[in-house]
Each structure stands twice: as C-alpha cells, then as structure tokens.
Protein backbone atom coordinates (compact mmCIF):
# COMPACT_ATOMS: atom_id res chain seq x y z
CA HIS A 1 -2.64 48.43 31.02
CA ARG A 2 -0.91 50.79 28.54
CA ILE A 3 -2.02 48.65 25.59
CA LEU A 4 -5.59 48.57 26.91
CA GLU A 5 -5.58 52.38 27.24
CA LEU A 6 -4.34 52.80 23.66
CA ASN A 7 -6.96 50.40 22.33
CA THR A 8 -9.67 52.31 24.20
CA LYS A 9 -8.56 55.65 22.67
CA GLU A 10 -8.42 54.11 19.21
CA ARG A 11 -11.94 52.70 19.61
CA GLN A 12 -13.18 56.12 20.79
CA ALA A 13 -11.58 57.81 17.79
CA VAL A 14 -13.16 55.27 15.46
CA ASP A 15 -16.51 55.80 17.16
CA ILE A 16 -16.30 59.56 16.61
CA VAL A 17 -15.51 59.09 12.92
CA ASP A 18 -18.34 56.58 12.50
CA LYS A 19 -20.81 58.87 14.27
CA ALA A 20 -19.73 61.88 12.23
CA ARG A 21 -20.20 59.93 9.00
CA LEU A 22 -23.58 58.65 10.15
CA TYR A 23 -24.83 62.12 11.10
CA MET A 24 -23.66 63.53 7.78
CA GLU A 25 -25.35 60.74 5.81
CA THR A 26 -28.60 61.20 7.73
CA GLU A 27 -28.33 65.00 7.47
CA ASN A 28 -28.16 65.52 11.25
CA TYR A 29 -25.72 68.38 10.74
CA SER A 30 -26.13 69.98 14.16
CA LEU A 31 -25.10 66.72 15.80
CA ALA A 32 -22.28 66.26 13.33
CA LEU A 33 -20.80 69.73 13.88
CA PRO A 34 -19.03 69.21 17.27
CA LEU A 35 -17.67 65.86 16.12
CA VAL A 36 -16.35 67.29 12.86
CA GLU A 37 -14.73 70.16 14.74
CA LYS A 38 -12.98 67.69 17.04
CA LEU A 39 -11.83 65.54 14.11
CA LEU A 40 -10.47 68.57 12.26
CA ALA A 41 -8.59 69.70 15.34
CA ASP A 42 -6.78 66.34 15.32
CA GLN A 43 -6.46 66.01 11.52
CA PRO A 44 -6.65 69.53 9.98
CA GLU A 45 -5.53 68.36 6.52
CA SER A 46 -8.07 65.54 6.21
CA GLY A 47 -9.97 65.79 2.92
CA GLU A 48 -13.03 64.01 4.29
CA PHE A 49 -13.31 66.11 7.45
CA ASN A 50 -12.77 69.36 5.55
CA PHE A 51 -15.50 68.25 3.16
CA PHE A 52 -17.84 67.62 6.11
CA ALA A 53 -16.96 71.01 7.60
CA GLY A 54 -17.56 72.72 4.25
CA CYS A 55 -21.00 71.16 3.87
CA ILE A 56 -22.00 72.23 7.39
CA ALA A 57 -20.65 75.76 6.90
CA ARG A 58 -22.53 76.06 3.61
CA LEU A 59 -25.77 74.96 5.28
CA PHE A 60 -25.23 77.47 8.09
CA ASN A 61 -24.73 80.29 5.53
CA GLN A 62 -21.03 80.60 6.26
CA GLU A 63 -20.12 80.89 2.60
CA VAL A 64 -16.51 82.08 2.92
CA GLN A 65 -15.62 79.38 5.43
CA ALA A 66 -17.37 76.75 3.34
CA GLN A 67 -15.29 77.65 0.30
CA GLN A 68 -12.09 77.48 2.34
CA TYR A 69 -12.95 74.03 3.68
CA PHE A 70 -13.88 72.77 0.21
CA GLU A 71 -10.59 74.05 -1.24
CA LYS A 72 -8.63 72.22 1.46
CA ALA A 73 -10.61 69.06 0.82
CA VAL A 74 -9.84 69.12 -2.91
CA LYS A 75 -6.22 69.96 -2.21
CA SER A 76 -6.00 66.88 0.00
CA ASN A 77 -7.78 64.70 -2.55
CA PRO A 78 -9.02 65.98 -5.97
CA GLU A 79 -11.74 63.32 -5.96
CA PHE A 80 -13.65 65.40 -3.42
CA SER A 81 -14.41 67.88 -6.21
CA ASP A 82 -17.15 65.58 -7.52
CA ARG A 83 -18.62 65.12 -4.03
CA ILE A 84 -18.66 68.88 -3.52
CA ASP A 85 -20.43 69.41 -6.86
CA SER A 86 -22.96 66.73 -5.98
CA PHE A 87 -23.61 68.32 -2.58
CA LYS A 88 -24.16 71.75 -4.14
CA ARG A 89 -26.43 70.29 -6.81
CA ASP A 90 -28.54 68.52 -4.18
CA LEU A 91 -28.73 71.75 -2.19
CA GLY A 92 -29.86 73.60 -5.31
CA ASN A 93 -32.57 71.00 -5.86
CA ASP A 94 -33.78 71.47 -2.29
CA TYR A 95 -34.08 75.23 -2.74
CA PHE A 96 -35.82 74.69 -6.05
CA GLN A 97 -38.41 72.48 -4.36
CA PHE A 98 -38.92 75.13 -1.67
CA THR A 99 -39.38 77.70 -4.42
CA LYS A 100 -42.07 75.64 -6.13
CA TYR A 101 -43.80 75.08 -2.79
CA PHE A 102 -43.97 78.78 -1.91
CA GLN A 103 -45.36 79.50 -5.37
CA THR A 104 -48.47 77.59 -4.31
CA GLN A 105 -48.91 79.88 -1.30
CA PRO A 106 -50.42 83.38 -1.64
CA GLY A 107 -48.33 86.39 -0.65
CA ARG A 108 -45.02 84.56 -0.44
CA LYS A 109 -43.10 86.36 -3.17
CA GLU A 110 -40.25 87.36 -0.86
CA SER A 111 -39.91 83.77 0.34
CA ILE A 112 -39.71 82.71 -3.29
CA ARG A 113 -37.05 85.35 -3.93
CA TYR A 114 -35.02 84.21 -0.93
CA MET A 115 -35.10 80.56 -2.02
CA ILE A 116 -34.06 81.38 -5.57
CA PHE A 117 -31.17 83.60 -4.47
CA LYS A 118 -29.94 81.13 -1.86
CA GLY A 119 -30.26 78.21 -4.22
CA LEU A 120 -28.24 79.90 -6.95
CA SER A 121 -25.58 81.02 -4.49
CA CYS A 122 -25.09 77.31 -3.74
CA CYS A 123 -25.56 75.99 -7.27
CA PRO A 124 -25.09 78.83 -9.82
CA ASP A 125 -25.76 76.62 -12.85
CA HIS A 126 -29.08 75.17 -11.65
CA GLU A 127 -31.37 75.40 -14.70
CA GLY A 128 -34.65 75.37 -12.79
CA LEU A 129 -33.57 78.13 -10.41
CA SER A 130 -32.13 80.18 -13.29
CA LYS A 131 -35.47 80.03 -15.07
CA GLU A 132 -37.30 81.09 -11.90
CA LEU A 133 -34.83 83.95 -11.39
CA ASN A 134 -35.48 85.37 -14.85
CA GLU A 135 -39.23 85.08 -14.44
CA LEU A 136 -38.96 86.88 -11.11
CA LEU A 137 -37.00 89.71 -12.70
CA VAL A 138 -39.52 90.06 -15.53
CA GLU A 139 -42.26 90.46 -12.90
CA ASP A 140 -40.23 93.10 -11.03
CA LEU A 141 -39.42 95.01 -14.21
CA LYS A 142 -43.11 95.11 -15.06
CA GLU A 143 -43.89 96.46 -11.60
CA ILE A 144 -41.10 99.03 -11.87
CA GLN A 145 -42.57 100.27 -15.15
CA GLU A 146 -46.03 100.51 -13.58
CA GLN A 147 -44.65 102.43 -10.59
CA SER A 148 -42.74 104.70 -12.96
CA ASP A 149 -45.91 105.46 -14.92
CA SER A 150 -47.74 106.28 -11.68
CA GLY A 151 -44.86 108.37 -10.33
CA ASN A 152 -43.85 106.34 -7.28
CA PRO A 153 -40.02 106.54 -7.02
CA SER A 154 -39.86 105.22 -3.45
CA LYS A 155 -41.44 101.92 -4.45
CA ILE A 156 -39.11 101.70 -7.45
CA GLY A 157 -36.16 102.15 -5.11
CA GLU A 158 -37.37 99.32 -2.89
CA ILE A 159 -37.62 96.92 -5.82
CA LEU A 160 -34.25 97.92 -7.29
CA ALA A 161 -32.59 97.41 -3.90
CA LEU A 162 -33.59 93.75 -4.13
CA TRP A 163 -31.40 93.47 -7.24
CA ASP A 164 -28.24 95.07 -5.89
CA ASP A 165 -25.24 93.53 -7.65
CA SER A 166 -22.60 95.51 -5.76
CA ASP A 167 -22.03 92.58 -3.40
CA ASP A 168 -19.58 90.06 -4.85
CA ARG A 169 -21.58 87.21 -3.34
CA ASN A 170 -24.44 88.06 -5.69
CA LEU A 171 -22.38 87.96 -8.87
CA PRO A 172 -23.17 84.29 -9.72
CA ILE A 173 -26.84 85.19 -9.49
CA PHE A 174 -26.58 88.05 -11.96
CA GLN A 175 -24.70 85.86 -14.40
CA ASN A 176 -27.89 83.81 -14.71
CA LEU A 177 -29.98 86.74 -15.96
CA SER A 178 -30.92 87.09 -19.60
CA GLU A 179 -29.05 89.91 -21.33
CA GLU A 180 -32.26 91.70 -22.29
CA SER A 181 -33.65 91.69 -18.75
CA TYR A 182 -30.35 92.63 -17.12
CA ALA A 183 -29.88 95.56 -19.51
CA ARG A 184 -33.40 96.73 -18.70
CA LEU A 185 -32.65 96.47 -14.98
CA LEU A 186 -29.56 98.65 -15.42
CA TYR A 187 -31.66 101.13 -17.43
CA PHE A 188 -34.12 101.52 -14.56
CA LYS A 189 -31.28 101.77 -12.03
CA GLY A 190 -29.76 104.58 -14.05
CA LYS A 191 -33.08 106.40 -14.34
CA HIS A 192 -33.60 106.07 -10.61
CA VAL A 193 -30.28 107.70 -9.65
CA LEU A 194 -30.87 110.47 -12.20
CA LYS A 195 -33.57 111.93 -9.95
CA ASP A 196 -30.80 112.74 -7.46
CA LYS A 197 -28.70 114.29 -10.28
CA SER A 198 -26.12 111.52 -9.92
CA TYR A 199 -25.14 111.95 -13.56
CA SER A 200 -21.84 110.10 -13.43
CA GLU A 201 -23.35 107.04 -11.74
CA ALA A 202 -26.30 107.05 -14.14
CA PHE A 203 -23.99 107.34 -17.16
CA ASP A 204 -21.91 104.36 -15.97
CA LEU A 205 -25.06 102.26 -15.55
CA PHE A 206 -26.30 103.17 -19.03
CA GLN A 207 -22.90 102.40 -20.53
CA LYS A 208 -22.89 99.02 -18.83
CA ALA A 209 -26.38 98.34 -20.17
CA LEU A 210 -25.33 99.39 -23.68
CA SER A 211 -22.40 96.98 -23.56
CA ILE A 212 -25.00 94.24 -23.11
CA SER A 213 -27.68 95.62 -25.43
CA PRO A 214 -25.91 97.96 -27.90
CA LYS A 215 -28.97 98.49 -30.15
CA ASP A 216 -31.42 99.51 -27.42
CA GLU A 217 -32.74 102.89 -28.55
CA ASP A 218 -34.07 103.88 -25.12
CA LEU A 219 -30.58 103.43 -23.71
CA HIS A 220 -29.00 105.60 -26.40
CA PHE A 221 -31.56 108.37 -25.92
CA ILE A 222 -31.17 108.49 -22.15
CA THR A 223 -27.37 108.24 -22.32
CA ILE A 224 -27.17 111.28 -24.60
CA ASP A 225 -29.70 113.20 -22.51
CA THR A 226 -27.70 112.41 -19.36
CA CYS A 227 -24.58 113.90 -20.94
CA PHE A 228 -26.49 117.08 -21.78
CA MET A 229 -27.94 117.30 -18.27
CA ALA A 230 -24.44 116.94 -16.84
CA GLY A 231 -23.14 119.61 -19.24
CA ASP A 232 -20.55 117.17 -20.57
CA TYR A 233 -20.62 117.94 -24.29
CA ASN A 234 -17.50 115.93 -25.12
CA GLN A 235 -19.13 112.85 -23.65
CA ALA A 236 -22.36 113.75 -25.44
CA ILE A 237 -20.56 113.89 -28.80
CA GLN A 238 -19.13 110.40 -28.25
CA ALA A 239 -22.54 109.09 -27.24
CA ILE A 240 -24.16 110.61 -30.32
CA GLU A 241 -21.54 109.14 -32.64
CA THR A 242 -22.15 105.70 -31.15
CA ALA A 243 -25.92 106.08 -31.40
CA VAL A 244 -25.84 107.28 -35.04
CA GLN A 245 -24.16 103.99 -35.96
CA VAL A 246 -27.30 102.26 -34.67
CA ASP A 247 -29.80 104.67 -36.27
CA THR A 248 -29.25 107.93 -38.16
CA LYS A 249 -32.22 109.53 -36.38
CA PHE A 250 -29.93 110.12 -33.40
CA ALA A 251 -28.13 112.71 -35.53
CA VAL A 252 -30.87 115.14 -34.48
CA TYR A 253 -28.79 115.68 -31.34
CA TRP A 254 -26.13 117.36 -33.48
CA GLU A 255 -28.66 120.13 -34.00
CA THR A 256 -29.07 120.45 -30.23
CA ILE A 257 -25.32 120.79 -29.84
CA GLY A 258 -25.23 123.31 -32.69
CA ASP A 259 -27.93 125.42 -31.03
CA SER A 260 -25.96 125.43 -27.77
CA LEU A 261 -22.81 126.51 -29.60
CA VAL A 262 -24.70 129.32 -31.30
CA GLU A 263 -25.84 130.57 -27.89
CA ALA A 264 -22.19 130.54 -26.83
CA GLU A 265 -21.31 132.42 -30.06
CA GLN A 266 -19.04 129.57 -31.15
CA TYR A 267 -20.21 129.79 -34.75
CA ALA A 268 -17.46 127.75 -36.41
CA ASP A 269 -18.11 124.76 -34.18
CA ALA A 270 -21.88 125.24 -34.56
CA ILE A 271 -21.54 125.02 -38.35
CA ILE A 272 -19.71 121.70 -38.00
CA ALA A 273 -22.46 120.33 -35.75
CA PHE A 274 -25.25 121.47 -38.12
CA GLU A 275 -23.41 120.00 -41.10
CA ARG A 276 -22.98 116.65 -39.35
CA CYS A 277 -26.70 116.62 -38.61
CA PHE A 278 -27.60 117.54 -42.21
CA THR A 279 -25.35 114.78 -43.58
CA SER A 280 -27.37 112.15 -41.71
CA LEU A 281 -30.74 113.92 -41.96
CA PRO A 282 -30.81 115.73 -45.34
CA GLY A 283 -34.57 116.17 -45.04
CA ASN A 284 -34.08 118.75 -42.29
CA ILE A 285 -33.46 121.69 -44.65
CA GLU A 286 -33.87 124.23 -41.81
CA LEU A 287 -30.30 123.31 -40.90
CA LEU A 288 -29.08 125.14 -44.03
CA LYS A 289 -30.64 128.35 -42.78
CA LYS A 290 -28.98 127.87 -39.40
CA ILE A 291 -25.65 127.31 -41.14
CA GLY A 292 -26.20 130.49 -43.12
CA ASP A 293 -27.00 132.40 -39.94
CA CYS A 294 -23.72 131.20 -38.41
CA TYR A 295 -21.73 132.33 -41.45
CA LEU A 296 -23.52 135.67 -41.35
CA ALA A 297 -22.81 136.12 -37.63
CA SER A 298 -19.12 135.43 -38.28
CA SER A 299 -19.07 137.90 -41.24
CA GLN A 300 -18.56 135.24 -43.91
CA LEU A 301 -21.05 136.78 -46.30
CA GLU A 302 -20.36 134.68 -49.41
CA ALA A 303 -20.67 131.42 -47.46
CA ALA A 304 -23.85 132.72 -45.82
CA LYS A 305 -25.33 133.63 -49.21
CA ALA A 306 -24.56 130.14 -50.60
CA SER A 307 -26.25 128.45 -47.63
CA TYR A 308 -29.35 130.66 -47.92
CA GLU A 309 -29.62 130.03 -51.66
CA GLN A 310 -29.37 126.27 -51.14
CA PHE A 311 -31.99 126.51 -48.41
CA LYS A 312 -34.30 128.53 -50.68
CA LEU A 313 -33.86 126.05 -53.53
CA LEU A 314 -34.67 123.02 -51.37
CA LEU A 315 -37.58 124.87 -49.78
CA GLU A 316 -39.08 125.56 -53.22
CA LYS A 317 -38.67 121.92 -54.23
CA SER A 318 -40.33 120.86 -51.00
CA SER A 319 -43.27 123.17 -51.72
CA GLU A 320 -43.64 121.74 -55.21
C-alpha cells in the first residue's frame, strides 16, 4: 500500500511537470502559473521552473520579479541564458508586430508608443523597435517645435512627460535614441523648465545635452543665457570659454559681462572682459572705446588715452 501511494505521488508530480511544460510551450501562461508556483515551492532552486516563472512574470509586467527568477535560473544552469535571450527576442518581435499593426490604424499613436516602449523594455537591442522609437521621437520633436512656435507650453509639457528618463526602468529605452535626437530632447526639456525659473535644473539638462552634442550652437547660446538669468557669472564665464572653443562668435558674451562689471564699477575686471572679447572679435572696435572709458573711470589717464587713440585710428581705417 505504501509503495502504491508513493508511485501515485510520483505520477502526480510528473503530471504537473508535464502539464506545466505543455502550457508554457503552447503559451497558456495563465494555466501554467499555478502549476509553476507549486513546482517552485517544492524545488525553489530549479533552473527550469525559475525560467518558467521569469517568463510568466515578464508577460504579466512584473519586471523586477522576472529578473530575479531569470538570475536564479542562470545561476542553477548557465545554459538558460540562451533560452532567456530567445524568449526576450521573441517577445520583442511580438511587440514589433503589434507596433506595425497599430500603424495601419488611424489615431493609434499612443498604442504605438506603448508597444515600442514595452518591446524595448523586454528586448533593448531590437533593431526594428529601435528604429521605430527614433522615428517616434523625431515626430514628437517636430510637434514640440510647432507648439513652441505657437506658444503652447502645456502641450509641450504633455509631450515631454512621455519621454521622462528619470525612471530607471526606462534607461534601456533611452540608450536606443540617436545622439542628435536625444540632445534635442534635453534641449527642449531645459527650455521648458526655464519658464518656471528652474535655472539649476535647466543648466544641468543643457550640460547633459552638450556632453552628447558639444558643437550644438543653440545649446551653447541657451546655456550661457541661463547662467546670466541665474546671475551666476562664474558659471557663465566657464560656459563662454567652452563655447568660444566651438566658435569665436560666442566671445560677444564677454562684452555683456564687461558691461555688467562697468555697471558695478568693477572697471579692472571689465577691462579684462572687453580685452578677451576684442582678442576673439577684433572687428568690434567699439570695445577699445569701452576699455578707454574704464581706464578713464579708474583715473588711469595714459592708458585711457592710448585706448582712445587706437580706437580713433581703427575707426579712420574703417571709414576709408
């Protein structure tokens, strides 16, 4: 009787395993779930059952749990790594097909967005989904620009919120963006927070964008302007020095700093700012007059005279 009871339990256990495998193969995951939970309760270190549990958790949007199950499966048997990759790749393909389907339906942009984001969260290196993601961002950036031109900040905020990268779960998605588009997205994010005078946050966004696109002139202009708006002249000086390395035309900001220093009666520092501007932009001869004015205001008459004479000479040559 004891032997018969043991044989019955063994057959039941085998039946549960066979059913769980069958449901997983036929993608009947809801039916597989209670069986897999029971199997894991009996064999918590099983690579196969942890793999099953990870697949189900991933399909039910339980991303953290899925990763934990997958890690245990690989720890039990490294060969499960290939099966996990294959599962994620197949899942990415499914989301890609959903994406293409919704593109044939009018007014389904948000469904398309959802499928792309979900697909890449499962399979970050899916080429088709990556391409769709970048095309989606290009469309949104175009709309943001249009809304900016028409003065509609609330709509801009709604679009930017769809591209929030503050959540760690979204990081794989943002790694798929082209550098040019991502830098432009950060530019618009920075501009958007500027309206609330969030200068520090805006500056950080512009700096991040510049680290991606260091020659973007729009980014340099708005970074320098942000420093001035925040009254942070030390930061402005650093931003100008960086920008001048890209294009000498940014040296015009030295004149702005010089004018501010003159207003504060800091003539010595103003002279340095005007001279730095003139070194990069020698065609702006009015700077020599400003330098002379600073020397005059600080009672350095000989230096003032020399600056005025040089200004007069260049002015005559310009007239000729």
